[in-house]
Each structure stands twice: as C-alpha cells, then as structure tokens.
Amino acid sequence: MPNSEKNENRVESVLAVMAASVVAVSLLAMIVALLTRLFGGQPWAILTQLPLVGLPFAFVLIIALLITSLRRRSRKNPRG
C-alpha cells in the first residue's frame, strides 16, 4: 500500500473519531443540562453552550470526512 493511501486512511480515521467524539460529548452535555433542569437545578453555562458549538463543528468534520473519502475514491477509480 503506497504511503499516500496510508496517510489518507489515517486522515479519514482521525476525522471520523473526532466527529464521533464531539457529537458524543455534545449530546452528553445536553442530556446532563436537561436532567439538571428536570431536577430543579441551574445547569452550568458550559453545559448549555457546548452543544451550540460542538454540533456544528461535528457537522463540519463530517463534511470534511465526506470530501476526503470522495477524493480518495475518485483517485482510486478513474473514469477513463
């Protein structure tokens, strides 16, 4: 396997793990904030603001992963 393929696979793996991690942390923060409100408490500001930043960032990471994957596939299967 050429070195560039290994590098591209590594980039795809890193993007996928980053996107999944950001989504998981954002959803966890959202659930904790909702449960805190449910039990009458005031959630920390970070718990309410993290999903507002994290979910769009994860969306951008998923789009970057899609572009990287499409570029790799187009190089692998030329049309000609």
PDB file of N, CA and C in Angstrom:
ATOM      1  N   MET A   1       0.841  -1.166   0.000  1.00  0.00           N
ATOM      2  CA  MET A   1       0.000   0.000   0.000  1.00  0.00           C
ATOM      3  C   MET A   1       0.897   1.243   0.000  1.00  0.00           C
ATOM      4  N   PRO A   2       0.697   2.158  -0.960  1.00  0.00           N
ATOM      5  CA  PRO A   2       1.520   3.358  -1.004  1.00  0.00           C
ATOM      6  C   PRO A   2       1.346   4.214   0.250  1.00  0.00           C
ATOM      7  N   ASN A   3       2.353   5.019   0.506  1.00  0.00           N
ATOM      8  CA  ASN A   3       2.351   5.843   1.709  1.00  0.00           C
ATOM      9  C   ASN A   3       1.204   6.851   1.705  1.00  0.00           C
ATOM     10  N   SER A   4       0.832   7.367   0.528  1.00  0.00           N
ATOM     11  CA  SER A   4      -0.245   8.359   0.473  1.00  0.00           C
ATOM     12  C   SER A   4      -1.586   7.739   0.865  1.00  0.00           C
ATOM     13  N   GLU A   5      -1.791   6.465   0.506  1.00  0.00           N
ATOM     14  CA  GLU A   5      -3.042   5.798   0.898  1.00  0.00           C
ATOM     15  C   GLU A   5      -3.116   5.619   2.399  1.00  0.00           C
ATOM     16  N   LYS A   6      -2.001   5.244   3.008  1.00  0.00           N
ATOM     17  CA  LYS A   6      -1.979   5.105   4.461  1.00  0.00           C
ATOM     18  C   LYS A   6      -2.283   6.445   5.128  1.00  0.00           C
ATOM     19  N   ASN A   7      -1.695   7.505   4.561  1.00  0.00           N
ATOM     20  CA  ASN A   7      -1.910   8.840   5.124  1.00  0.00           C
ATOM     21  C   ASN A   7      -3.364   9.258   4.983  1.00  0.00           C
ATOM     22  N   GLU A   8      -3.977   9.004   3.820  1.00  0.00           N
ATOM     23  CA  GLU A   8      -5.373   9.370   3.617  1.00  0.00           C
ATOM     24  C   GLU A   8      -6.294   8.545   4.514  1.00  0.00           C
ATOM     25  N   ASN A   9      -5.989   7.266   4.678  1.00  0.00           N
ATOM     26  CA  ASN A   9      -6.803   6.450   5.585  1.00  0.00           C
ATOM     27  C   ASN A   9      -6.672   6.947   7.014  1.00  0.00           C
ATOM     28  N   ARG A  10      -5.497   7.390   7.382  1.00  0.00           N
ATOM     29  CA  ARG A  10      -5.289   7.911   8.723  1.00  0.00           C
ATOM     30  C   ARG A  10      -6.068   9.206   8.918  1.00  0.00           C
ATOM     31  N   VAL A  11      -6.070  10.054   7.897  1.00  0.00           N
ATOM     32  CA  VAL A  11      -6.827  11.305   7.968  1.00  0.00           C
ATOM     33  C   VAL A  11      -8.316  11.009   8.121  1.00  0.00           C
ATOM     34  N   GLU A  12      -8.807  10.050   7.344  1.00  0.00           N
ATOM     35  CA  GLU A  12     -10.218   9.673   7.450  1.00  0.00           C
ATOM     36  C   GLU A  12     -10.541   9.120   8.833  1.00  0.00           C
ATOM     37  N   SER A  13      -9.663   8.304   9.356  1.00  0.00           N
ATOM     38  CA  SER A  13      -9.888   7.739  10.692  1.00  0.00           C
ATOM     39  C   SER A  13      -9.900   8.823  11.760  1.00  0.00           C
ATOM     40  N   VAL A  14      -8.968   9.745  11.667  1.00  0.00           N
ATOM     41  CA  VAL A  14      -8.901  10.821  12.658  1.00  0.00           C
ATOM     42  C   VAL A  14     -10.147  11.696  12.572  1.00  0.00           C
ATOM     43  N   LEU A  15     -10.577  12.033  11.351  1.00  0.00           N
ATOM     44  CA  LEU A  15     -11.780  12.841  11.193  1.00  0.00           C
ATOM     45  C   LEU A  15     -13.010  12.125  11.750  1.00  0.00           C
ATOM     46  N   ALA A  16     -13.111  10.831  11.486  1.00  0.00           N
ATOM     47  CA  ALA A  16     -14.266  10.072  11.973  1.00  0.00           C
ATOM     48  C   ALA A  16     -14.285  10.011  13.502  1.00  0.00           C
ATOM     49  N   VAL A  17     -13.140   9.765  14.101  1.00  0.00           N
ATOM     50  CA  VAL A  17     -13.075   9.687  15.566  1.00  0.00           C
ATOM     51  C   VAL A  17     -13.354  11.051  16.187  1.00  0.00           C
ATOM     52  N   MET A  18     -12.811  12.102  15.584  1.00  0.00           N
ATOM     53  CA  MET A  18     -13.061  13.450  16.106  1.00  0.00           C
ATOM     54  C   MET A  18     -14.537  13.810  16.020  1.00  0.00           C
ATOM     55  N   ALA A  19     -15.158  13.516  14.891  1.00  0.00           N
ATOM     56  CA  ALA A  19     -16.580  13.843  14.733  1.00  0.00           C
ATOM     57  C   ALA A  19     -17.432  13.068  15.729  1.00  0.00           C
ATOM     58  N   ALA A  20     -17.158  11.783  15.871  1.00  0.00           N
ATOM     59  CA  ALA A  20     -17.930  10.969  16.809  1.00  0.00           C
ATOM     60  C   ALA A  20     -17.723  11.442  18.249  1.00  0.00           C
ATOM     61  N   SER A  21     -16.510  11.806  18.589  1.00  0.00           N
ATOM     62  CA  SER A  21     -16.223  12.266  19.948  1.00  0.00           C
ATOM     63  C   SER A  21     -16.921  13.592  20.248  1.00  0.00           C
ATOM     64  N   VAL A  22     -16.878  14.505  19.296  1.00  0.00           N
ATOM     65  CA  VAL A  22     -17.514  15.808  19.517  1.00  0.00           C
ATOM     66  C   VAL A  22     -19.027  15.645  19.647  1.00  0.00           C
ATOM     67  N   VAL A  23     -19.617  14.786  18.815  1.00  0.00           N
ATOM     68  CA  VAL A  23     -21.057  14.541  18.919  1.00  0.00           C
ATOM     69  C   VAL A  23     -21.400  13.910  20.262  1.00  0.00           C
ATOM     70  N   ALA A  24     -20.604  12.932  20.691  1.00  0.00           N
ATOM     71  CA  ALA A  24     -20.872  12.249  21.956  1.00  0.00           C
ATOM     72  C   ALA A  24     -20.774  13.219  23.140  1.00  0.00           C
ATOM     73  N   VAL A  25     -19.743  14.045  23.157  1.00  0.00           N
ATOM     74  CA  VAL A  25     -19.578  14.997  24.262  1.00  0.00           C
ATOM     75  C   VAL A  25     -20.702  16.027  24.257  1.00  0.00           C
ATOM     76  N   SER A  26     -21.090  16.483  23.067  1.00  0.00           N
ATOM     77  CA  SER A  26     -22.176  17.467  22.977  1.00  0.00           C
ATOM     78  C   SER A  26     -23.496  16.876  23.444  1.00  0.00           C
ATOM     79  N   LEU A  27     -23.782  15.663  23.018  1.00  0.00           N
ATOM     80  CA  LEU A  27     -25.031  15.024  23.444  1.00  0.00           C
ATOM     81  C   LEU A  27     -25.028  14.744  24.943  1.00  0.00           C
ATOM     82  N   LEU A  28     -23.905  14.331  25.472  1.00  0.00           N
ATOM     83  CA  LEU A  28     -23.802  14.093  26.910  1.00  0.00           C
ATOM     84  C   LEU A  28     -24.017  15.387  27.695  1.00  0.00           C
ATOM     85  N   ALA A  29     -23.434  16.479  27.233  1.00  0.00           N
ATOM     86  CA  ALA A  29     -23.627  17.765  27.892  1.00  0.00           C
ATOM     87  C   ALA A  29     -25.092  18.197  27.823  1.00  0.00           C
ATOM     88  N   MET A  30     -25.727  17.943  26.687  1.00  0.00           N
ATOM     89  CA  MET A  30     -27.135  18.298  26.538  1.00  0.00           C
ATOM     90  C   MET A  30     -28.011  17.490  27.495  1.00  0.00           C
ATOM     91  N   ILE A  31     -27.738  16.209  27.605  1.00  0.00           N
ATOM     92  CA  ILE A  31     -28.521  15.344  28.498  1.00  0.00           C
ATOM     93  C   ILE A  31     -28.318  15.750  29.955  1.00  0.00           C
ATOM     94  N   VAL A  32     -27.080  16.041  30.335  1.00  0.00           N
ATOM     95  CA  VAL A  32     -26.810  16.456  31.717  1.00  0.00           C
ATOM     96  C   VAL A  32     -27.500  17.778  32.024  1.00  0.00           C
ATOM     97  N   ALA A  33     -27.482  18.724  31.075  1.00  0.00           N
ATOM     98  CA  ALA A  33     -28.157  20.005  31.292  1.00  0.00           C
ATOM     99  C   ALA A  33     -29.656  19.808  31.421  1.00  0.00           C
ATOM    100  N   LEU A  34     -30.231  18.941  30.593  1.00  0.00           N
ATOM    101  CA  LEU A  34     -31.669  18.682  30.685  1.00  0.00           C
ATOM    102  C   LEU A  34     -32.039  17.998  31.995  1.00  0.00           C
ATOM    103  N   LEU A  35     -31.228  17.043  32.423  1.00  0.00           N
ATOM    104  CA  LEU A  35     -31.508  16.373  33.693  1.00  0.00           C
ATOM    105  C   LEU A  35     -31.346  17.327  34.875  1.00  0.00           C
ATOM    106  N   THR A  36     -30.381  18.217  34.790  1.00  0.00           N
ATOM    107  CA  THR A  36     -30.198  19.197  35.860  1.00  0.00           C
ATOM    108  C   THR A  36     -31.421  20.098  35.981  1.00  0.00           C
ATOM    109  N   ARG A  37     -31.949  20.539  34.833  1.00  0.00           N
ATOM    110  CA  ARG A  37     -33.172  21.362  34.849  1.00  0.00           C
ATOM    111  C   ARG A  37     -34.374  20.569  35.327  1.00  0.00           C
ATOM    112  N   LEU A  38     -34.415  19.294  34.976  1.00  0.00           N
ATOM    113  CA  LEU A  38     -35.531  18.451  35.381  1.00  0.00           C
ATOM    114  C   LEU A  38     -35.619  18.351  36.900  1.00  0.00           C
ATOM    115  N   PHE A  39     -34.470  18.267  37.546  1.00  0.00           N
ATOM    116  CA  PHE A  39     -34.451  18.125  38.995  1.00  0.00           C
ATOM    117  C   PHE A  39     -34.361  19.462  39.719  1.00  0.00           C
ATOM    118  N   GLY A  40     -34.640  20.554  39.019  1.00  0.00           N
ATOM    119  CA  GLY A  40     -34.756  21.849  39.666  1.00  0.00           C
ATOM    120  C   GLY A  40     -33.471  22.625  39.828  1.00  0.00           C
ATOM    121  N   GLY A  41     -32.405  22.182  39.270  1.00  0.00           N
ATOM    122  CA  GLY A  41     -31.139  22.895  39.400  1.00  0.00           C
ATOM    123  C   GLY A  41     -30.901  23.838  38.238  1.00  0.00           C
ATOM    124  N   GLN A  42     -29.854  24.612  38.361  1.00  0.00           N
ATOM    125  CA  GLN A  42     -29.438  25.509  37.280  1.00  0.00           C
ATOM    126  C   GLN A  42     -28.174  24.920  36.661  1.00  0.00           C
ATOM    127  N   PRO A  43     -28.232  24.491  35.387  1.00  0.00           N
ATOM    128  CA  PRO A  43     -27.038  23.889  34.771  1.00  0.00           C
ATOM    129  C   PRO A  43     -25.937  24.926  34.561  1.00  0.00           C
ATOM    130  N   TRP A  44     -24.700  24.460  34.583  1.00  0.00           N
ATOM    131  CA  TRP A  44     -23.573  25.339  34.324  1.00  0.00           C
ATOM    132  C   TRP A  44     -23.684  25.885  32.912  1.00  0.00           C
ATOM    133  N   ALA A  45     -23.116  27.023  32.684  1.00  0.00           N
ATOM    134  CA  ALA A  45     -23.179  27.665  31.370  1.00  0.00           C
ATOM    135  C   ALA A  45     -22.489  26.813  30.302  1.00  0.00           C
ATOM    136  N   ILE A  46     -21.430  26.133  30.677  1.00  0.00           N
ATOM    137  CA  ILE A  46     -20.703  25.315  29.699  1.00  0.00           C
ATOM    138  C   ILE A  46     -21.577  24.167  29.184  1.00  0.00           C
ATOM    139  N   LEU A  47     -22.454  23.647  30.034  1.00  0.00           N
ATOM    140  CA  LEU A  47     -23.323  22.546  29.619  1.00  0.00           C
ATOM    141  C   LEU A  47     -24.368  22.994  28.605  1.00  0.00           C
ATOM    142  N   THR A  48     -24.763  24.240  28.668  1.00  0.00           N
ATOM    143  CA  THR A  48     -25.753  24.725  27.714  1.00  0.00           C
ATOM    144  C   THR A  48     -25.104  25.263  26.442  1.00  0.00           C
ATOM    145  N   GLN A  49     -23.861  25.733  26.539  1.00  0.00           N
ATOM    146  CA  GLN A  49     -23.196  26.317  25.379  1.00  0.00           C
ATOM    147  C   GLN A  49     -22.424  25.295  24.552  1.00  0.00           C
ATOM    148  N   LEU A  50     -21.968  24.226  25.166  1.00  0.00           N
ATOM    149  CA  LEU A  50     -21.162  23.231  24.454  1.00  0.00           C
ATOM    150  C   LEU A  50     -21.877  22.616  23.257  1.00  0.00           C
ATOM    151  N   PRO A  51     -23.123  22.207  23.364  1.00  0.00           N
ATOM    152  CA  PRO A  51     -23.788  21.653  22.175  1.00  0.00           C
ATOM    153  C   PRO A  51     -23.996  22.681  21.062  1.00  0.00           C
ATOM    154  N   LEU A  52     -24.117  23.957  21.424  1.00  0.00           N
ATOM    155  CA  LEU A  52     -24.296  25.000  20.419  1.00  0.00           C
ATOM    156  C   LEU A  52     -23.054  25.188  19.553  1.00  0.00           C
ATOM    157  N   VAL A  53     -21.903  24.865  20.102  1.00  0.00           N
ATOM    158  CA  VAL A  53     -20.651  24.959  19.357  1.00  0.00           C
ATOM    159  C   VAL A  53     -20.245  23.592  18.817  1.00  0.00           C
ATOM    160  N   GLY A  54     -20.423  22.554  19.625  1.00  0.00           N
ATOM    161  CA  GLY A  54     -19.930  21.222  19.275  1.00  0.00           C
ATOM    162  C   GLY A  54     -20.654  20.577  18.104  1.00  0.00           C
ATOM    163  N   LEU A  55     -21.964  20.689  18.057  1.00  0.00           N
ATOM    164  CA  LEU A  55     -22.703  20.021  16.988  1.00  0.00           C
ATOM    165  C   LEU A  55     -22.428  20.621  15.607  1.00  0.00           C
ATOM    166  N   PRO A  56     -22.378  21.948  15.450  1.00  0.00           N
ATOM    167  CA  PRO A  56     -21.980  22.476  14.136  1.00  0.00           C
ATOM    168  C   PRO A  56     -20.538  22.122  13.766  1.00  0.00           C
ATOM    169  N   PHE A  57     -19.649  22.105  14.761  1.00  0.00           N
ATOM    170  CA  PHE A  57     -18.264  21.714  14.491  1.00  0.00           C
ATOM    171  C   PHE A  57     -18.202  20.257  14.029  1.00  0.00           C
ATOM    172  N   ALA A  58     -18.989  19.386  14.647  1.00  0.00           N
ATOM    173  CA  ALA A  58     -19.037  17.982  14.231  1.00  0.00           C
ATOM    174  C   ALA A  58     -19.592  17.864  12.815  1.00  0.00           C
ATOM    175  N   PHE A  59     -20.560  18.699  12.461  1.00  0.00           N
ATOM    176  CA  PHE A  59     -21.099  18.704  11.104  1.00  0.00           C
ATOM    177  C   PHE A  59     -20.018  19.074  10.093  1.00  0.00           C
ATOM    178  N   VAL A  60     -19.206  20.064  10.421  1.00  0.00           N
ATOM    179  CA  VAL A  60     -18.106  20.456   9.535  1.00  0.00           C
ATOM    180  C   VAL A  60     -17.095  19.319   9.407  1.00  0.00           C
ATOM    181  N   LEU A  61     -16.817  18.627  10.503  1.00  0.00           N
ATOM    182  CA  LEU A  61     -15.902  17.487  10.451  1.00  0.00           C
ATOM    183  C   LEU A  61     -16.457  16.370   9.579  1.00  0.00           C
ATOM    184  N   ILE A  62     -17.756  16.128   9.641  1.00  0.00           N
ATOM    185  CA  ILE A  62     -18.373  15.081   8.816  1.00  0.00           C
ATOM    186  C   ILE A  62     -18.311  15.471   7.345  1.00  0.00           C
ATOM    187  N   ILE A  63     -18.520  16.744   7.041  1.00  0.00           N
ATOM    188  CA  ILE A  63     -18.405  17.202   5.652  1.00  0.00           C
ATOM    189  C   ILE A  63     -16.959  17.039   5.164  1.00  0.00           C
ATOM    190  N   ALA A  64     -15.990  17.360   5.999  1.00  0.00           N
ATOM    191  CA  ALA A  64     -14.584  17.170   5.640  1.00  0.00           C
ATOM    192  C   ALA A  64     -14.278  15.689   5.419  1.00  0.00           C
ATOM    193  N   LEU A  65     -14.836  14.827   6.238  1.00  0.00           N
ATOM    194  CA  LEU A  65     -14.664  13.390   6.060  1.00  0.00           C
ATOM    195  C   LEU A  65     -15.263  12.924   4.740  1.00  0.00           C
ATOM    196  N   LEU A  66     -16.427  13.436   4.412  1.00  0.00           N
ATOM    197  CA  LEU A  66     -17.070  13.095   3.141  1.00  0.00           C
ATOM    198  C   LEU A  66     -16.225  13.537   1.955  1.00  0.00           C
ATOM    199  N   ILE A  67     -15.698  14.749   1.999  1.00  0.00           N
ATOM    200  CA  ILE A  67     -14.862  15.248   0.907  1.00  0.00           C
ATOM    201  C   ILE A  67     -13.592  14.426   0.774  1.00  0.00           C
ATOM    202  N   THR A  68     -12.965  14.095   1.898  1.00  0.00           N
ATOM    203  CA  THR A  68     -11.748  13.279   1.872  1.00  0.00           C
ATOM    204  C   THR A  68     -12.022  11.901   1.287  1.00  0.00           C
ATOM    205  N   SER A  69     -13.123  11.314   1.679  1.00  0.00           N
ATOM    206  CA  SER A  69     -13.485   9.993   1.174  1.00  0.00           C
ATOM    207  C   SER A  69     -13.787  10.034  -0.321  1.00  0.00           C
ATOM    208  N   LEU A  70     -14.498  11.060  -0.764  1.00  0.00           N
ATOM    209  CA  LEU A  70     -14.807  11.177  -2.186  1.00  0.00           C
ATOM    210  C   LEU A  70     -13.554  11.400  -3.019  1.00  0.00           C
ATOM    211  N   ARG A  71     -12.616  12.178  -2.510  1.00  0.00           N
ATOM    212  CA  ARG A  71     -11.355  12.398  -3.234  1.00  0.00           C
ATOM    213  C   ARG A  71     -10.565  11.096  -3.348  1.00  0.00           C
ATOM    214  N   ARG A  72     -10.522  10.323  -2.268  1.00  0.00           N
ATOM    215  CA  ARG A  72      -9.794   9.060  -2.306  1.00  0.00           C
ATOM    216  C   ARG A  72     -10.417   8.097  -3.300  1.00  0.00           C
ATOM    217  N   ARG A  73     -11.737   8.025  -3.310  1.00  0.00           N
ATOM    218  CA  ARG A  73     -12.413   7.110  -4.229  1.00  0.00           C
ATOM    219  C   ARG A  73     -12.270   7.540  -5.680  1.00  0.00           C
ATOM    220  N   SER A  74     -12.277   8.844  -5.921  1.00  0.00           N
ATOM    221  CA  SER A  74     -12.138   9.312  -7.304  1.00  0.00           C
ATOM    222  C   SER A  74     -10.731   9.043  -7.823  1.00  0.00           C
ATOM    223  N   ARG A  75      -9.737   9.122  -6.958  1.00  0.00           N
ATOM    224  CA  ARG A  75      -8.366   8.780  -7.376  1.00  0.00           C
ATOM    225  C   ARG A  75      -8.210   7.287  -7.600  1.00  0.00           C
ATOM    226  N   LYS A  76      -8.926   6.499  -6.841  1.00  0.00           N
ATOM    227  CA  LYS A  76      -8.809   5.053  -6.928  1.00  0.00           C
ATOM    228  C   LYS A  76      -9.479   4.509  -8.205  1.00  0.00           C
ATOM    229  N   ASN A  77     -10.612   5.080  -8.590  1.00  0.00           N
ATOM    230  CA  ASN A  77     -11.354   4.626  -9.771  1.00  0.00           C
ATOM    231  C   ASN A  77     -11.440   5.738 -10.806  1.00  0.00           C
ATOM    232  N   PRO A  78     -10.445   5.850 -11.672  1.00  0.00           N
ATOM    233  CA  PRO A  78     -10.533   6.877 -12.714  1.00  0.00           C
ATOM    234  C   PRO A  78     -11.644   6.517 -13.714  1.00  0.00           C
ATOM    235  N   ARG A  79     -12.251   7.516 -14.303  1.00  0.00           N
ATOM    236  CA  ARG A  79     -13.371   7.286 -15.217  1.00  0.00           C
ATOM    237  C   ARG A  79     -12.923   6.738 -16.553  1.00  0.00           C
ATOM    238  N   GLY A  80     -11.714   7.023 -16.952  1.00  0.00           N
ATOM    239  CA  GLY A  80     -11.251   6.679 -18.292  1.00  0.00           C
ATOM    240  C   GLY A  80     -10.928   5.258 -18.477  1.00  0.00           C
TER     241      GLY A  80
END
